Amino acid sequence: MDAVRVALLREVLAGTEWPGATRRFGAVLRGSVLSHGGGLLLVGTAEHEPWHLAAHLVDEAAWSGTPELAPTLVRHGARPSDPAHLAVGLGRIEAARRGETLLVAAPEGDAPLLERVSDARRAGVTVLALGPGGRELTALAHESLAVPDGSELDLDTVQHLVSAAAGETMPPKRSRRRFRDRLSRLAEQLTAPPPPLW
């Protein structure tokens, strides 16, 4: 989905929770990968591998000049004979460590996947969840965006909005440090001795 269609979709959804919720989740995703310099892993279930979201994140990474957004797609049925970008299996989640981000985009979580996600979280991986909001996965995630069955949007459409939001450049936040620096300079000026009067 291109930027024009995303903008039209956001316009249609104005007044609902979706534009704000997907922008917040996209910003969390972007912030997580940027703060650690990359390391985004993307996984779904054996029945629902998030190819579509992976492709959109790769596009957003290129368009926004943010290579950290390009994910490693972790597949349940990966084989060594697959092309390199498709040959990453579930063992990659077990090898994940602090500083990496694991995005679970799935209509439901199965027990073996949830166990791997739990192990990754214990290893210091930031876990994000995008799906119907199952209790177990939501409890494991640092941040989640629920897409309940029967809501006005399906998971695929929400993935478009999230990937677009992750690729958007957010305005820089004013740093408290800058405020403190200015305050410190002001205090120095007020407490400095007066200049000589000659």
Foldseek 3Di string as FASTA:
>chain_A
DDPVVLVVVVVVCPVHCQLVLLLVLLQVLLVLLVVLVAAEEEAEDQVDFPPVLLVLQCVLCVVLVNVNSRYQREHCPADPPDPPSRRHYPVVLVVAAASHEYEYEYQDDDDVRLVSLQNSVVRRYAYEYEHQCDPSSVVSHPYYDHDRPPDPDHSSVSSNSNSNSNSDDDPDDDDVVVVVVVVVVVVCVVPPDDDDDD
